[in-house]
């Protein structure tokens, strides 16, 4: 049995069979890299990079974020989930759900508080994170799970220029097609417009986007935030003036580059950062 506590920084962990060597592309063998903080505070985050459900941008929306979270004492996991054209719904959701279950099931060995495990997503990865945040209990997301009794509800979410309404509020409608297919019914489409699935059980959310994003307009984040308010769920929405879609941490975009510090404050005061 693989001892997860021995995982070295950046270790590639097979989601379905922990300890198995990664020998295939993640589109066939999904995995997540593990980045443990030197002084863990007990919080963890699963990062879902974007890519329109046609790829995974795991550098500037994944691996490059780990040092930031580790500096806050947060253990970070970067997910490589299956996607089109080889895999469509529900494969990305299966991978994110199993990753959440693994983290919670192994929380003690990883110095993680099982009640402080969040999910973060960028663009289509933001859609994935929002679906897990609003529909974590859908049975089809748990197909073949190794952890059938483990709850996969995130304790918080961070949604970065996320796709929320996959057909109506984004110019990037290919995201919905790549996930559900071009012939998906209206009922199916509505089921994965996350602003329509928020309830009082949805975890608190931090949303970041820009008004200059023409690929996934800020209206997506506004819809999610408004639905959070209507359900009485805590949330913060930050819309900056400048910065195109896919800016990651936005280091070259002036004032916008400060948004990770705002996120850090939110994490400290909303999720907690006390030493274990």
Protein backbone atom coordinates (compact mmCIF):
# COMPACT_ATOMS: atom_id res chain seq x y z
CA UNK A 1 0.00 0.00 0.00
CA UNK A 2 1.42 3.38 -1.01
CA UNK A 3 2.37 5.64 1.90
CA UNK A 4 1.06 9.04 0.78
CA UNK A 5 2.93 10.81 3.58
CA UNK A 6 6.19 9.98 1.80
CA UNK A 7 5.24 11.79 -1.42
CA UNK A 8 7.99 14.19 -2.47
CA UNK A 9 7.21 17.72 -3.78
CA UNK A 10 5.56 17.53 -7.17
CA UNK A 11 4.96 13.77 -6.87
CA UNK A 12 2.61 12.54 -9.60
CA UNK A 13 -0.16 10.60 -7.90
CA UNK A 14 -2.41 8.30 -9.91
CA UNK A 15 -5.98 9.17 -8.91
CA UNK A 16 -7.43 5.71 -9.37
CA UNK A 17 -4.51 3.61 -8.16
CA UNK A 18 -2.29 5.56 -5.74
CA UNK A 19 1.28 4.33 -5.92
CA UNK A 20 1.07 3.14 -9.52
CA UNK A 21 3.70 4.69 -11.76
CA UNK A 22 2.43 7.27 -14.25
CA UNK A 23 3.20 5.70 -17.62
CA UNK A 24 0.39 6.97 -19.87
CA UNK A 25 -0.92 10.41 -20.90
CA UNK A 26 -3.27 11.88 -18.31
CA UNK A 27 -6.11 11.62 -20.84
CA UNK A 28 -5.95 7.88 -20.13
CA UNK A 29 -4.32 7.86 -16.69
CA UNK A 30 -5.48 10.98 -14.81
CA UNK A 31 -3.27 12.13 -11.97
CA UNK A 32 -2.52 15.02 -9.65
CA UNK A 33 0.79 16.41 -8.47
CA UNK A 34 1.24 16.88 -4.73
CA UNK A 35 2.83 20.05 -3.29
CA UNK A 36 3.00 19.89 0.50
CA UNK A 37 3.72 23.02 2.52
CA UNK A 38 6.83 23.01 4.69
CA UNK A 39 4.73 24.27 7.60
CA UNK A 40 1.20 23.03 6.89
CA UNK A 41 -1.67 25.02 8.35
CA UNK A 42 -4.18 22.26 7.73
CA UNK A 43 -5.79 23.69 4.60
CA UNK A 44 -5.60 22.06 1.17
CA UNK A 45 -6.74 23.05 -2.31
CA UNK A 46 -7.31 20.98 -5.44
CA UNK A 47 -6.43 23.06 -8.52
CA UNK A 48 -8.25 22.39 -11.80
CA UNK A 49 -6.46 24.18 -14.68
CA UNK A 50 -8.41 25.45 -17.68
CA UNK A 51 -8.29 24.36 -21.29
CA UNK A 52 -11.85 24.39 -22.62
CA UNK A 53 -12.29 20.68 -21.76
CA UNK A 54 -9.93 20.13 -24.68
CA UNK A 55 -6.66 20.37 -22.74
CA UNK A 56 -5.19 21.17 -19.34
CA UNK A 57 -3.09 24.36 -18.93
CA UNK A 58 -1.15 22.91 -16.02
CA UNK A 59 1.74 25.41 -15.92
CA UNK A 60 0.51 28.99 -15.36
CA UNK A 61 -2.85 27.70 -14.10
CA UNK A 62 -1.37 24.85 -12.10
CA UNK A 63 2.21 24.10 -11.13
CA UNK A 64 3.23 27.76 -10.91
CA UNK A 65 0.61 28.37 -8.22
CA UNK A 66 1.97 25.79 -5.77
CA UNK A 67 4.66 28.02 -4.20
CA UNK A 68 2.05 30.71 -3.50
CA UNK A 69 -0.20 28.30 -1.64
CA UNK A 70 2.70 26.63 0.12
CA UNK A 71 3.84 30.04 1.39
CA UNK A 72 0.46 30.28 3.14
CA UNK A 73 0.88 26.82 4.64
CA UNK A 74 -1.64 25.35 2.18
CA UNK A 75 -1.02 21.98 0.55
CA UNK A 76 -1.77 22.16 -3.17
CA UNK A 77 -2.78 19.43 -5.61
CA UNK A 78 -2.74 20.11 -9.36
CA UNK A 79 -5.21 17.93 -11.24
CA UNK A 80 -4.77 16.53 -14.74
CA UNK A 81 -8.26 15.41 -15.65
CA UNK A 82 -9.51 13.59 -18.73
CA UNK A 83 -11.16 15.63 -21.47
CA UNK A 84 -12.33 15.70 -25.09
CA UNK A 85 -11.92 14.34 -27.63
CA UNK A 86 -11.00 11.08 -25.86
CA UNK A 87 -13.17 11.68 -22.78
CA UNK A 88 -16.32 13.71 -22.28
CA UNK A 89 -18.90 14.00 -19.51
CA UNK A 90 -18.76 12.64 -16.84
CA UNK A 91 -15.03 11.78 -16.99
CA UNK A 92 -13.67 15.21 -15.86
CA UNK A 93 -16.13 15.18 -12.94
CA UNK A 94 -15.20 11.61 -12.03
CA UNK A 95 -11.54 12.65 -11.84
CA UNK A 96 -12.16 15.77 -9.75
CA UNK A 97 -14.48 13.87 -7.40
CA UNK A 98 -12.00 11.04 -6.92
CA UNK A 99 -9.21 13.54 -6.28
CA UNK A 100 -11.32 15.26 -3.61
CA UNK A 101 -12.14 11.89 -2.05
CA UNK A 102 -8.48 10.87 -1.99
CA UNK A 103 -7.42 14.08 -0.27
CA UNK A 104 -10.13 13.82 2.40
CA UNK A 105 -9.55 10.08 2.95
CA UNK A 106 -5.81 10.67 3.42
CA UNK A 107 -6.06 13.99 5.26
CA UNK A 108 -4.40 12.80 8.46
CA UNK A 109 -1.33 11.43 6.65
CA UNK A 110 -1.02 14.70 4.72
CA UNK A 111 -1.41 17.00 7.78
CA UNK A 112 -4.70 18.28 6.40
CA UNK A 113 -7.88 19.16 8.27
CA UNK A 114 -10.64 17.17 6.49
CA UNK A 115 -12.95 20.14 7.04
CA UNK A 116 -10.66 22.61 5.19
CA UNK A 117 -10.31 21.14 1.72
CA UNK A 118 -11.21 23.43 -1.16
CA UNK A 119 -11.28 23.39 -4.93
CA UNK A 120 -9.95 26.00 -7.37
CA UNK A 121 -10.50 26.25 -11.10
CA UNK A 122 -9.59 28.43 -14.06
CA UNK A 123 -11.89 28.95 -17.06
CA UNK A 124 -13.24 25.48 -17.97
CA UNK A 125 -11.47 24.23 -14.85
CA UNK A 126 -13.52 26.85 -13.03
CA UNK A 127 -16.62 25.27 -14.51
CA UNK A 128 -15.42 21.89 -13.28
CA UNK A 129 -14.78 23.32 -9.80
CA UNK A 130 -18.23 24.96 -9.78
CA UNK A 131 -19.92 21.70 -10.76
CA UNK A 132 -18.18 19.81 -7.96
CA UNK A 133 -19.14 22.65 -5.58
CA UNK A 134 -22.82 22.52 -6.52
CA UNK A 135 -23.40 18.88 -7.53
CA UNK A 136 -20.78 16.88 -5.65
CA UNK A 137 -23.39 14.26 -4.73
CA UNK A 138 -24.33 13.20 -8.27
CA UNK A 139 -23.90 9.39 -8.33
CA UNK A 140 -22.34 9.35 -11.81
CA UNK A 141 -19.39 11.36 -10.53
CA UNK A 142 -18.39 8.48 -8.23
CA UNK A 143 -18.16 5.67 -10.78
CA UNK A 144 -15.53 3.13 -9.70
CA UNK A 145 -14.49 5.15 -6.66
CA UNK A 146 -12.08 3.69 -4.12
CA UNK A 147 -13.70 5.83 -1.42
CA UNK A 148 -17.47 5.25 -1.59
CA UNK A 149 -18.15 6.56 1.92
CA UNK A 150 -16.12 9.77 1.64
CA UNK A 151 -17.91 13.08 1.03
CA UNK A 152 -16.47 15.05 -1.89
CA UNK A 153 -18.10 18.39 -1.07
CA UNK A 154 -15.43 21.14 -1.11
CA UNK A 155 -15.28 23.36 1.98
CA UNK A 156 -14.58 26.41 -0.20
CA UNK A 157 -14.06 27.24 -3.86
CA UNK A 158 -11.90 29.67 -5.78
CA UNK A 159 -13.24 30.36 -9.28
CA UNK A 160 -10.93 32.25 -11.65
CA UNK A 161 -12.51 33.70 -14.81
CA UNK A 162 -14.76 30.64 -14.68
CA UNK A 163 -17.16 29.33 -17.27
CA UNK A 164 -20.43 29.13 -15.32
CA UNK A 165 -23.24 29.15 -17.87
CA UNK A 166 -21.75 26.96 -20.57
CA UNK A 167 -24.05 28.10 -23.36
CA UNK A 168 -25.59 31.50 -22.71
CA UNK A 169 -23.14 33.74 -20.83
CA UNK A 170 -19.91 32.97 -22.62
CA UNK A 171 -18.52 33.53 -26.07
CA UNK A 172 -16.57 30.32 -25.58
CA UNK A 173 -19.50 27.94 -26.18
CA UNK A 174 -17.11 25.22 -27.37
CA UNK A 175 -16.55 24.50 -23.68
CA UNK A 176 -20.07 23.09 -23.40
CA UNK A 177 -19.76 21.18 -26.66
CA UNK A 178 -16.45 19.65 -25.61
CA UNK A 179 -17.99 18.50 -22.34
CA UNK A 180 -21.51 17.41 -23.35
CA UNK A 181 -21.46 17.11 -27.14
CA UNK A 182 -23.17 19.25 -29.74
CA UNK A 183 -26.47 17.39 -29.48
CA UNK A 184 -26.98 17.72 -25.72
CA UNK A 185 -30.58 18.41 -24.69
CA UNK A 186 -31.67 21.70 -23.16
CA UNK A 187 -32.28 19.88 -19.88
CA UNK A 188 -28.72 18.54 -19.88
CA UNK A 189 -27.29 21.95 -20.69
CA UNK A 190 -29.24 23.56 -17.87
CA UNK A 191 -27.99 20.92 -15.43
CA UNK A 192 -24.44 22.14 -16.00
CA UNK A 193 -25.06 25.87 -15.85
CA UNK A 194 -23.79 26.14 -12.29
CA UNK A 195 -25.58 29.33 -11.30
CA UNK A 196 -28.81 27.31 -11.58
CA UNK A 197 -27.56 24.62 -9.17
CA UNK A 198 -26.56 26.71 -6.16
CA UNK A 199 -28.27 25.95 -2.84
CA UNK A 200 -27.68 26.84 0.80
CA UNK A 201 -25.29 23.84 0.92
CA UNK A 202 -22.97 25.29 -1.73
CA UNK A 203 -19.56 26.16 -0.20
CA UNK A 204 -18.39 29.79 0.07
CA UNK A 205 -16.64 31.08 -3.03
CA UNK A 206 -14.03 33.62 -4.08
CA UNK A 207 -14.42 34.78 -7.68
CA UNK A 208 -11.87 36.69 -9.76
CA UNK A 209 -12.32 37.90 -13.32
CA UNK A 210 -11.79 40.99 -15.50
CA UNK A 211 -14.08 43.24 -17.47
CA UNK A 212 -11.71 42.97 -20.41
CA UNK A 213 -12.15 39.20 -20.76
CA UNK A 214 -13.92 38.64 -24.09
CA UNK A 215 -13.53 34.84 -24.08
CA UNK A 216 -15.37 34.12 -20.83
CA UNK A 217 -17.13 37.41 -19.97
CA UNK A 218 -17.39 38.54 -16.37
CA UNK A 219 -21.15 37.96 -16.52
CA UNK A 220 -20.39 34.32 -15.73
CA UNK A 221 -18.91 35.23 -12.35
CA UNK A 222 -21.67 37.76 -11.71
CA UNK A 223 -24.33 35.09 -12.25
CA UNK A 224 -22.65 32.75 -9.76
CA UNK A 225 -22.19 35.50 -7.18
CA UNK A 226 -25.82 36.62 -7.47
CA UNK A 227 -26.98 33.03 -6.99
CA UNK A 228 -24.76 32.68 -3.91
CA UNK A 229 -26.37 35.80 -2.42
CA UNK A 230 -29.84 34.52 -3.18
CA UNK A 231 -29.03 31.26 -1.38
CA UNK A 232 -27.48 33.02 1.61
CA UNK A 233 -23.99 31.63 0.89
CA UNK A 234 -20.87 33.67 1.59
CA UNK A 235 -18.95 34.89 -1.44
CA UNK A 236 -16.61 37.56 -2.75
CA UNK A 237 -16.52 38.79 -6.34
CA UNK A 238 -13.57 40.79 -7.71
CA UNK A 239 -13.78 42.24 -11.22
CA UNK A 240 -10.70 44.12 -12.42
CA UNK A 241 -10.65 46.50 -15.37
CA UNK A 242 -7.67 45.10 -17.28
CA UNK A 243 -6.33 41.69 -18.16
CA UNK A 244 -7.32 39.25 -20.93
CA UNK A 245 -8.62 35.74 -20.48
CA UNK A 246 -6.04 33.27 -19.19
CA UNK A 247 -3.81 35.71 -17.29
CA UNK A 248 -3.21 33.32 -14.40
CA UNK A 249 -1.76 35.32 -11.53
CA UNK A 250 -1.59 38.40 -13.80
CA UNK A 251 1.97 39.49 -13.03
CA UNK A 252 2.18 41.80 -16.09
CA UNK A 253 -1.15 43.57 -15.77
CA UNK A 254 -0.62 46.36 -13.27
CA UNK A 255 -3.19 46.61 -10.52
CA UNK A 256 -4.74 43.31 -11.57
CA UNK A 257 -1.55 41.54 -10.52
CA UNK A 258 -2.52 42.13 -6.89
CA UNK A 259 -5.50 39.78 -6.91
CA UNK A 260 -3.62 36.80 -5.38
CA UNK A 261 -2.97 38.90 -2.26
CA UNK A 262 -6.71 39.58 -2.00
CA UNK A 263 -7.28 35.84 -2.31
CA UNK A 264 -4.74 35.20 0.46
CA UNK A 265 -6.64 37.51 2.80
CA UNK A 266 -9.92 35.79 1.95
CA UNK A 267 -8.42 32.37 2.63
CA UNK A 268 -7.01 33.50 5.97
CA UNK A 269 -10.21 35.04 7.25
CA UNK A 270 -12.73 32.71 5.64
CA UNK A 271 -11.02 29.34 5.75
CA UNK A 272 -8.49 29.80 8.53
CA UNK A 273 -4.71 29.68 8.74
CA UNK A 274 -3.94 28.68 12.31
CA UNK A 275 -1.01 26.32 12.82
CA UNK A 276 -1.96 22.75 13.64
